[in-house]
Amino acid sequence: MTQYQRGYRFEREVMQKLAEKGYFVIRAAGSHGIFDIIAIKNIDVRGVQCKVSGKISKDELSKMKETGEKYGILPILAWKDKAGIWMEVVE
């Protein structure tokens, strides 16, 4: 399985978890943008960056925070390990 395939599969898993929690979920396919997924529930808007390894640069984290503040989006980093899928607010 290629790195792209692993990333795509992981994004789908994260989307499923958010949908199960009642979020309307949109995937920004191939965007290479700040957020891979946008999840909306009532007035709660979350921008999710999915990293299978959990490794992300300081620059990416900074851009997530800036964009979140500018547009009222809660920036979330999602990653995976042997215990499961984790999502954490970027502060």
C-alpha atoms as a PDB file:
ATOM      1  CA  MET A   1       0.000   0.000   0.000  1.00  0.00           C
ATOM      2  CA  THR A   2       1.377   3.411  -0.965  1.00  0.00           C
ATOM      3  CA  GLN A   3       1.665   6.379   1.382  1.00  0.00           C
ATOM      4  CA  TYR A   4      -1.148   8.078  -0.564  1.00  0.00           C
ATOM      5  CA  GLN A   5      -3.405   5.044  -0.090  1.00  0.00           C
ATOM      6  CA  ARG A   6      -2.655   4.922   3.653  1.00  0.00           C
ATOM      7  CA  GLY A   7      -3.450   8.631   3.944  1.00  0.00           C
ATOM      8  CA  TYR A   8      -6.673   8.298   1.947  1.00  0.00           C
ATOM      9  CA  ARG A   9      -7.816   5.342   4.059  1.00  0.00           C
ATOM     10  CA  PHE A  10      -6.990   7.218   7.253  1.00  0.00           C
ATOM     11  CA  GLU A  11      -8.948  10.294   6.130  1.00  0.00           C
ATOM     12  CA  ARG A  12     -11.954   8.052   5.453  1.00  0.00           C
ATOM     13  CA  GLU A  13     -11.668   6.543   8.949  1.00  0.00           C
ATOM     14  CA  VAL A  14     -11.581  10.011  10.519  1.00  0.00           C
ATOM     15  CA  MET A  15     -14.572  11.093   8.428  1.00  0.00           C
ATOM     16  CA  GLN A  16     -16.506   8.043   9.631  1.00  0.00           C
ATOM     17  CA  LYS A  17     -15.745   8.811  13.292  1.00  0.00           C
ATOM     18  CA  LEU A  18     -16.921  12.403  12.884  1.00  0.00           C
ATOM     19  CA  ALA A  19     -20.065  11.359  10.984  1.00  0.00           C
ATOM     20  CA  GLU A  20     -20.907   8.929  13.795  1.00  0.00           C
ATOM     21  CA  LYS A  21     -20.799  11.916  16.168  1.00  0.00           C
ATOM     22  CA  GLY A  22     -23.365  13.750  14.032  1.00  0.00           C
ATOM     23  CA  TYR A  23     -21.068  15.964  11.948  1.00  0.00           C
ATOM     24  CA  PHE A  24     -21.649  16.780   8.291  1.00  0.00           C
ATOM     25  CA  VAL A  25     -18.255  15.935   6.817  1.00  0.00           C
ATOM     26  CA  ILE A  26     -16.531  17.189   3.652  1.00  0.00           C
ATOM     27  CA  ARG A  27     -13.182  15.903   2.388  1.00  0.00           C
ATOM     28  CA  ALA A  28     -10.943  18.321   0.483  1.00  0.00           C
ATOM     29  CA  ALA A  29      -9.609  15.679  -1.921  1.00  0.00           C
ATOM     30  CA  GLY A  30      -6.037  16.209  -3.028  1.00  0.00           C
ATOM     31  CA  SER A  31      -6.065  19.785  -1.814  1.00  0.00           C
ATOM     32  CA  HIS A  32      -2.716  19.746  -0.006  1.00  0.00           C
ATOM     33  CA  GLY A  33      -4.289  22.624   1.895  1.00  0.00           C
ATOM     34  CA  ILE A  34      -4.453  23.482   5.543  1.00  0.00           C
ATOM     35  CA  PHE A  35      -7.318  21.102   6.335  1.00  0.00           C
ATOM     36  CA  ASP A  36      -8.034  17.680   4.840  1.00  0.00           C
ATOM     37  CA  ILE A  37     -11.538  17.534   6.287  1.00  0.00           C
ATOM     38  CA  ILE A  38     -14.159  20.090   7.298  1.00  0.00           C
ATOM     39  CA  ALA A  39     -16.748  18.847   9.813  1.00  0.00           C
ATOM     40  CA  ILE A  40     -19.853  20.865  10.700  1.00  0.00           C
ATOM     41  CA  LYS A  41     -22.418  20.303  13.439  1.00  0.00           C
ATOM     42  CA  ASN A  42     -24.784  23.188  14.213  1.00  0.00           C
ATOM     43  CA  ILE A  43     -22.409  26.144  14.725  1.00  0.00           C
ATOM     44  CA  ASP A  44     -19.404  23.927  15.533  1.00  0.00           C
ATOM     45  CA  VAL A  45     -16.985  23.940  12.569  1.00  0.00           C
ATOM     46  CA  ARG A  46     -13.838  21.831  12.743  1.00  0.00           C
ATOM     47  CA  GLY A  47     -10.932  21.788  10.325  1.00  0.00           C
ATOM     48  CA  VAL A  48      -9.054  18.503  10.533  1.00  0.00           C
ATOM     49  CA  GLN A  49      -5.528  17.840   9.297  1.00  0.00           C
ATOM     50  CA  CYS A  50      -4.912  14.080   9.098  1.00  0.00           C
ATOM     51  CA  LYS A  51      -1.403  12.762   9.641  1.00  0.00           C
ATOM     52  CA  VAL A  52      -1.086   8.989   9.919  1.00  0.00           C
ATOM     53  CA  SER A  53       2.183   9.396  11.845  1.00  0.00           C
ATOM     54  CA  GLY A  54       1.061  12.448  13.814  1.00  0.00           C
ATOM     55  CA  LYS A  55       4.133  14.343  12.597  1.00  0.00           C
ATOM     56  CA  ILE A  56       3.428  17.892  11.496  1.00  0.00           C
ATOM     57  CA  SER A  57       5.672  20.912  11.036  1.00  0.00           C
ATOM     58  CA  LYS A  58       5.506  24.006  13.224  1.00  0.00           C
ATOM     59  CA  ASP A  59       4.656  25.995  10.102  1.00  0.00           C
ATOM     60  CA  GLU A  60       1.634  23.771   9.376  1.00  0.00           C
ATOM     61  CA  LEU A  61       0.468  24.052  12.983  1.00  0.00           C
ATOM     62  CA  SER A  62       0.810  27.829  12.843  1.00  0.00           C
ATOM     63  CA  LYS A  63      -1.206  28.013   9.608  1.00  0.00           C
ATOM     64  CA  MET A  64      -3.924  25.816  11.128  1.00  0.00           C
ATOM     65  CA  LYS A  65      -4.207  28.109  14.155  1.00  0.00           C
ATOM     66  CA  GLU A  66      -4.213  31.297  12.055  1.00  0.00           C
ATOM     67  CA  THR A  67      -6.860  29.984   9.688  1.00  0.00           C
ATOM     68  CA  GLY A  68      -8.956  28.726  12.569  1.00  0.00           C
ATOM     69  CA  GLU A  69      -8.902  32.103  14.284  1.00  0.00           C
ATOM     70  CA  LYS A  70      -9.624  33.995  11.066  1.00  0.00           C
ATOM     71  CA  TYR A  71     -12.662  31.902  10.052  1.00  0.00           C
ATOM     72  CA  GLY A  72     -13.966  30.593  13.372  1.00  0.00           C
ATOM     73  CA  ILE A  73     -12.806  27.018  12.713  1.00  0.00           C
ATOM     74  CA  LEU A  74     -11.574  24.758  15.501  1.00  0.00           C
ATOM     75  CA  PRO A  75      -8.261  23.328  14.182  1.00  0.00           C
ATOM     76  CA  ILE A  76      -7.839  19.615  14.880  1.00  0.00           C
ATOM     77  CA  LEU A  77      -4.872  17.312  14.301  1.00  0.00           C
ATOM     78  CA  ALA A  78      -5.821  13.658  13.767  1.00  0.00           C
ATOM     79  CA  TRP A  79      -3.329  10.804  13.908  1.00  0.00           C
ATOM     80  CA  LYS A  80      -3.275   7.057  14.346  1.00  0.00           C
ATOM     81  CA  ASP A  81      -1.334   4.588  16.430  1.00  0.00           C
ATOM     82  CA  LYS A  82      -1.800   0.984  17.556  1.00  0.00           C
ATOM     83  CA  ALA A  83      -4.361   2.097  20.158  1.00  0.00           C
ATOM     84  CA  GLY A  84      -6.602   3.821  17.612  1.00  0.00           C
ATOM     85  CA  ILE A  85      -7.403   7.194  16.095  1.00  0.00           C
ATOM     86  CA  TRP A  86      -6.698  10.355  18.068  1.00  0.00           C
ATOM     87  CA  MET A  87      -7.927  13.906  17.513  1.00  0.00           C
ATOM     88  CA  GLU A  88      -6.572  16.893  19.390  1.00  0.00           C
ATOM     89  CA  VAL A  89      -7.278  20.615  19.207  1.00  0.00           C
ATOM     90  CA  VAL A  90      -4.277  22.597  17.962  1.00  0.00           C
ATOM     91  CA  GLU A  91      -3.522  25.327  20.508  1.00  0.00           C
END
